[in-house]
């Protein structure tokens, strides 16, 4: 493939409607607009990341609503957004104050997506749990973020917060 053809193909992938949807998603995230973010998910969507584990359907939408409603200084920067009819990816950076500890966090995340009929059906975020926990938890990270039991406890707490938020919102 010639360099020109490769560049043209990359531009076509970057301007695909699903890529535009991902750009809209991250713009909405930065604006703490969970309603717009949630519109982009299929009803049966799944989400996973190291903090929350795997979430389904309504849990996914509730997580974004909870996170954006509690954000006070959130800054989202997305890059390398690409997508086609079936899948997409992005790199994004979140800067915020972790509400449980008041500590500043800068988290670098790689996301992958699967689409069906223009909606996200699978969303996986990957980041270094150890790096995140050192920033968010401080000294407690040496216990919580550096071993599987501590990681499980952090996930259980995140899910507990989500469950409480969903119960309160019902």
C-alpha atoms as a PDB file:
ATOM      1  CA  UNK A   1       0.000   0.000   0.000  1.00  0.00           C
ATOM      2  CA  UNK A   2       1.385   3.412  -0.920  1.00  0.00           C
ATOM      3  CA  UNK A   3       1.876   5.982   1.861  1.00  0.00           C
ATOM      4  CA  UNK A   4      -0.792   8.203   0.276  1.00  0.00           C
ATOM      5  CA  UNK A   5      -3.334   5.342   0.218  1.00  0.00           C
ATOM      6  CA  UNK A   6      -2.499   4.415   3.819  1.00  0.00           C
ATOM      7  CA  UNK A   7      -3.005   8.053   4.898  1.00  0.00           C
ATOM      8  CA  UNK A   8      -6.280   8.263   2.959  1.00  0.00           C
ATOM      9  CA  UNK A   9      -7.496   5.055   4.602  1.00  0.00           C
ATOM     10  CA  UNK A  10      -6.531   6.399   8.046  1.00  0.00           C
ATOM     11  CA  UNK A  11      -8.468   9.617   7.358  1.00  0.00           C
ATOM     12  CA  UNK A  12     -11.483   7.556   6.265  1.00  0.00           C
ATOM     13  CA  UNK A  13     -11.333   5.520   9.478  1.00  0.00           C
ATOM     14  CA  UNK A  14     -10.885   8.667  11.588  1.00  0.00           C
ATOM     15  CA  UNK A  15     -13.916  10.337   9.992  1.00  0.00           C
ATOM     16  CA  UNK A  16     -16.186   7.299  10.243  1.00  0.00           C
ATOM     17  CA  UNK A  17     -19.487   8.033  12.059  1.00  0.00           C
ATOM     18  CA  UNK A  18     -18.405   5.740  14.909  1.00  0.00           C
ATOM     19  CA  UNK A  19     -15.184   7.752  15.289  1.00  0.00           C
ATOM     20  CA  UNK A  20     -17.295  10.908  15.416  1.00  0.00           C
ATOM     21  CA  UNK A  21     -19.430   9.232  18.104  1.00  0.00           C
ATOM     22  CA  UNK A  22     -16.313   8.517  20.175  1.00  0.00           C
ATOM     23  CA  UNK A  23     -15.177  12.126  19.794  1.00  0.00           C
ATOM     24  CA  UNK A  24     -18.644  13.210  20.966  1.00  0.00           C
ATOM     25  CA  UNK A  25     -18.409  10.782  23.899  1.00  0.00           C
ATOM     26  CA  UNK A  26     -15.116  12.219  25.162  1.00  0.00           C
ATOM     27  CA  UNK A  27     -16.258  15.830  24.627  1.00  0.00           C
ATOM     28  CA  UNK A  28     -19.373  15.040  26.671  1.00  0.00           C
ATOM     29  CA  UNK A  29     -17.251  13.351  29.339  1.00  0.00           C
ATOM     30  CA  UNK A  30     -15.095  16.456  29.668  1.00  0.00           C
ATOM     31  CA  UNK A  31     -18.280  18.532  30.009  1.00  0.00           C
ATOM     32  CA  UNK A  32     -19.669  16.089  32.638  1.00  0.00           C
ATOM     33  CA  UNK A  33     -22.613  15.420  30.302  1.00  0.00           C
ATOM     34  CA  UNK A  34     -23.543  11.832  31.198  1.00  0.00           C
ATOM     35  CA  UNK A  35     -26.811  11.990  29.239  1.00  0.00           C
ATOM     36  CA  UNK A  36     -24.940  12.443  25.955  1.00  0.00           C
ATOM     37  CA  UNK A  37     -22.389   9.796  26.897  1.00  0.00           C
ATOM     38  CA  UNK A  38     -25.127   7.309  27.756  1.00  0.00           C
ATOM     39  CA  UNK A  39     -26.988   7.898  24.464  1.00  0.00           C
ATOM     40  CA  UNK A  40     -24.052   6.344  22.652  1.00  0.00           C
ATOM     41  CA  UNK A  41     -24.393   2.943  24.367  1.00  0.00           C
ATOM     42  CA  UNK A  42     -26.673   0.106  23.273  1.00  0.00           C
ATOM     43  CA  UNK A  43     -29.137  -1.008  25.989  1.00  0.00           C
ATOM     44  CA  UNK A  44     -27.178  -4.255  26.472  1.00  0.00           C
ATOM     45  CA  UNK A  45     -23.719  -2.647  26.466  1.00  0.00           C
ATOM     46  CA  UNK A  46     -20.898  -3.891  28.679  1.00  0.00           C
ATOM     47  CA  UNK A  47     -18.023  -1.916  30.153  1.00  0.00           C
ATOM     48  CA  UNK A  48     -14.903  -3.030  31.970  1.00  0.00           C
ATOM     49  CA  UNK A  49     -11.925  -1.406  33.615  1.00  0.00           C
ATOM     50  CA  UNK A  50      -9.515  -2.227  36.445  1.00  0.00           C
ATOM     51  CA  UNK A  51     -11.448  -0.181  39.030  1.00  0.00           C
ATOM     52  CA  UNK A  52     -15.067  -1.256  38.453  1.00  0.00           C
ATOM     53  CA  UNK A  53     -14.551  -4.645  36.846  1.00  0.00           C
ATOM     54  CA  UNK A  54     -17.265  -5.611  34.358  1.00  0.00           C
ATOM     55  CA  UNK A  55     -20.549  -3.717  34.249  1.00  0.00           C
ATOM     56  CA  UNK A  56     -23.679  -4.459  32.222  1.00  0.00           C
ATOM     57  CA  UNK A  57     -26.421  -2.317  30.692  1.00  0.00           C
ATOM     58  CA  UNK A  58     -27.883   0.021  33.264  1.00  0.00           C
ATOM     59  CA  UNK A  59     -24.772  -0.225  35.460  1.00  0.00           C
ATOM     60  CA  UNK A  60     -22.696   1.275  32.632  1.00  0.00           C
ATOM     61  CA  UNK A  61     -24.956   4.294  32.304  1.00  0.00           C
ATOM     62  CA  UNK A  62     -25.223   4.706  36.084  1.00  0.00           C
ATOM     63  CA  UNK A  63     -21.420   4.634  36.434  1.00  0.00           C
ATOM     64  CA  UNK A  64     -20.974   7.522  33.990  1.00  0.00           C
ATOM     65  CA  UNK A  65     -23.800   9.446  35.649  1.00  0.00           C
ATOM     66  CA  UNK A  66     -22.258   8.892  39.095  1.00  0.00           C
ATOM     67  CA  UNK A  67     -18.735   9.827  38.009  1.00  0.00           C
ATOM     68  CA  UNK A  68     -19.748  12.980  36.140  1.00  0.00           C
ATOM     69  CA  UNK A  69     -22.142  14.118  38.889  1.00  0.00           C
ATOM     70  CA  UNK A  70     -19.366  13.893  41.497  1.00  0.00           C
ATOM     71  CA  UNK A  71     -16.622  15.493  39.383  1.00  0.00           C
ATOM     72  CA  UNK A  72     -15.422  18.888  40.509  1.00  0.00           C
ATOM     73  CA  UNK A  73     -12.315  19.466  38.417  1.00  0.00           C
ATOM     74  CA  UNK A  74     -12.424  16.826  35.691  1.00  0.00           C
ATOM     75  CA  UNK A  75     -10.352  17.351  32.569  1.00  0.00           C
ATOM     76  CA  UNK A  76     -10.553  14.813  29.727  1.00  0.00           C
ATOM     77  CA  UNK A  77      -8.221  14.753  26.739  1.00  0.00           C
ATOM     78  CA  UNK A  78      -8.769  12.136  24.023  1.00  0.00           C
ATOM     79  CA  UNK A  79      -6.464  11.286  21.137  1.00  0.00           C
ATOM     80  CA  UNK A  80      -5.823   8.613  18.532  1.00  0.00           C
ATOM     81  CA  UNK A  81      -9.552   8.039  18.031  1.00  0.00           C
ATOM     82  CA  UNK A  82     -10.263   5.583  15.234  1.00  0.00           C
ATOM     83  CA  UNK A  83     -13.287   3.487  14.358  1.00  0.00           C
ATOM     84  CA  UNK A  84     -14.983   1.570  11.599  1.00  0.00           C
ATOM     85  CA  UNK A  85     -18.351  -0.215  11.411  1.00  0.00           C
ATOM     86  CA  UNK A  86     -17.412  -2.868  13.955  1.00  0.00           C
ATOM     87  CA  UNK A  87     -14.739  -1.538  16.317  1.00  0.00           C
ATOM     88  CA  UNK A  88     -12.852   1.476  17.547  1.00  0.00           C
ATOM     89  CA  UNK A  89     -10.160   2.646  19.901  1.00  0.00           C
ATOM     90  CA  UNK A  90      -8.934   5.750  21.665  1.00  0.00           C
ATOM     91  CA  UNK A  91      -6.317   6.908  24.078  1.00  0.00           C
ATOM     92  CA  UNK A  92      -7.524   9.275  26.742  1.00  0.00           C
ATOM     93  CA  UNK A  93      -6.215  11.096  29.767  1.00  0.00           C
ATOM     94  CA  UNK A  94      -8.246  11.952  32.839  1.00  0.00           C
ATOM     95  CA  UNK A  95      -7.120  14.582  35.344  1.00  0.00           C
ATOM     96  CA  UNK A  96      -9.226  14.962  38.471  1.00  0.00           C
ATOM     97  CA  UNK A  97      -9.322  14.970  42.245  1.00  0.00           C
ATOM     98  CA  UNK A  98     -10.168  11.534  43.637  1.00  0.00           C
ATOM     99  CA  UNK A  99     -13.104  12.341  45.924  1.00  0.00           C
ATOM    100  CA  UNK A 100     -12.411   9.599  48.498  1.00  0.00           C
ATOM    101  CA  UNK A 101      -8.940  10.970  49.356  1.00  0.00           C
ATOM    102  CA  UNK A 102      -8.783  14.462  47.854  1.00  0.00           C
ATOM    103  CA  UNK A 103      -5.665  13.433  45.924  1.00  0.00           C
ATOM    104  CA  UNK A 104      -4.900  14.650  42.383  1.00  0.00           C
ATOM    105  CA  UNK A 105      -4.882  11.905  39.720  1.00  0.00           C
ATOM    106  CA  UNK A 106      -3.603  11.882  36.142  1.00  0.00           C
ATOM    107  CA  UNK A 107      -4.635   8.620  34.507  1.00  0.00           C
ATOM    108  CA  UNK A 108      -3.654   7.475  31.005  1.00  0.00           C
ATOM    109  CA  UNK A 109      -6.187   5.052  29.543  1.00  0.00           C
ATOM    110  CA  UNK A 110      -6.387   2.975  26.372  1.00  0.00           C
ATOM    111  CA  UNK A 111      -9.931   2.162  25.311  1.00  0.00           C
ATOM    112  CA  UNK A 112     -11.342  -0.326  22.833  1.00  0.00           C
ATOM    113  CA  UNK A 113     -14.907  -0.418  21.590  1.00  0.00           C
ATOM    114  CA  UNK A 114     -17.195  -2.714  19.633  1.00  0.00           C
ATOM    115  CA  UNK A 115     -20.179  -1.260  17.792  1.00  0.00           C
ATOM    116  CA  UNK A 116     -23.516  -2.587  16.639  1.00  0.00           C
ATOM    117  CA  UNK A 117     -25.847  -0.388  14.587  1.00  0.00           C
ATOM    118  CA  UNK A 118     -23.851   2.721  15.493  1.00  0.00           C
ATOM    119  CA  UNK A 119     -24.031   2.115  19.266  1.00  0.00           C
ATOM    120  CA  UNK A 120     -21.301   0.955  21.642  1.00  0.00           C
ATOM    121  CA  UNK A 121     -21.930  -2.642  22.750  1.00  0.00           C
ATOM    122  CA  UNK A 122     -18.542  -3.254  24.413  1.00  0.00           C
ATOM    123  CA  UNK A 123     -16.197  -0.733  25.977  1.00  0.00           C
ATOM    124  CA  UNK A 124     -12.951  -1.801  27.658  1.00  0.00           C
ATOM    125  CA  UNK A 125     -10.659   0.690  29.395  1.00  0.00           C
ATOM    126  CA  UNK A 126      -7.126  -0.395  30.286  1.00  0.00           C
ATOM    127  CA  UNK A 127      -4.769   1.454  32.600  1.00  0.00           C
ATOM    128  CA  UNK A 128      -2.110   0.705  35.183  1.00  0.00           C
ATOM    129  CA  UNK A 129      -4.028   0.015  38.379  1.00  0.00           C
ATOM    130  CA  UNK A 130      -0.798   0.317  40.360  1.00  0.00           C
ATOM    131  CA  UNK A 131       0.006   3.764  38.916  1.00  0.00           C
ATOM    132  CA  UNK A 132      -3.581   4.932  39.439  1.00  0.00           C
ATOM    133  CA  UNK A 133      -3.750   3.609  43.009  1.00  0.00           C
ATOM    134  CA  UNK A 134      -0.471   5.314  44.008  1.00  0.00           C
ATOM    135  CA  UNK A 135      -1.943   8.651  42.906  1.00  0.00           C
ATOM    136  CA  UNK A 136      -5.500   8.143  44.176  1.00  0.00           C
ATOM    137  CA  UNK A 137      -4.768   6.329  47.440  1.00  0.00           C
ATOM    138  CA  UNK A 138      -1.313   7.574  48.378  1.00  0.00           C
ATOM    139  CA  UNK A 139       0.500   5.383  50.932  1.00  0.00           C
ATOM    140  CA  UNK A 140      -2.470   2.991  51.125  1.00  0.00           C
ATOM    141  CA  UNK A 141      -1.630   1.964  47.545  1.00  0.00           C
ATOM    142  CA  UNK A 142       1.253  -0.103  48.813  1.00  0.00           C
ATOM    143  CA  UNK A 143      -1.331  -2.395  50.418  1.00  0.00           C
ATOM    144  CA  UNK A 144      -4.391  -1.809  48.236  1.00  0.00           C
ATOM    145  CA  UNK A 145      -2.948  -1.436  44.763  1.00  0.00           C
ATOM    146  CA  UNK A 146      -0.001  -3.758  44.855  1.00  0.00           C
ATOM    147  CA  UNK A 147      -1.703  -7.087  45.471  1.00  0.00           C
ATOM    148  CA  UNK A 148      -4.750  -8.946  44.144  1.00  0.00           C
ATOM    149  CA  UNK A 149      -6.633  -8.824  47.464  1.00  0.00           C
ATOM    150  CA  UNK A 150      -6.185  -5.061  47.726  1.00  0.00           C
ATOM    151  CA  UNK A 151      -7.218  -4.633  44.106  1.00  0.00           C
ATOM    152  CA  UNK A 152     -10.347  -6.729  44.778  1.00  0.00           C
ATOM    153  CA  UNK A 153     -11.177  -4.545  47.788  1.00  0.00           C
ATOM    154  CA  UNK A 154     -10.876  -1.352  45.722  1.00  0.00           C
ATOM    155  CA  UNK A 155     -13.129  -2.874  43.039  1.00  0.00           C
ATOM    156  CA  UNK A 156     -15.650  -4.005  45.668  1.00  0.00           C
ATOM    157  CA  UNK A 157     -15.721  -0.470  47.117  1.00  0.00           C
ATOM    158  CA  UNK A 158     -16.185   1.079  43.658  1.00  0.00           C
ATOM    159  CA  UNK A 159     -19.035  -1.343  42.921  1.00  0.00           C
ATOM    160  CA  UNK A 160     -20.554  -0.647  46.348  1.00  0.00           C
ATOM    161  CA  UNK A 161     -20.543   3.082  45.617  1.00  0.00           C
ATOM    162  CA  UNK A 162     -22.185   2.379  42.262  1.00  0.00           C
ATOM    163  CA  UNK A 163     -24.830   0.109  43.809  1.00  0.00           C
ATOM    164  CA  UNK A 164     -25.635   2.760  46.451  1.00  0.00           C
ATOM    165  CA  UNK A 165     -25.846   5.449  43.756  1.00  0.00           C
ATOM    166  CA  UNK A 166     -28.195   3.298  41.673  1.00  0.00           C
ATOM    167  CA  UNK A 167     -30.409   2.507  44.697  1.00  0.00           C
ATOM    168  CA  UNK A 168     -30.605   6.204  45.603  1.00  0.00           C
ATOM    169  CA  UNK A 169     -31.425   7.155  42.001  1.00  0.00           C
ATOM    170  CA  UNK A 170     -34.202   4.541  41.619  1.00  0.00           C
END
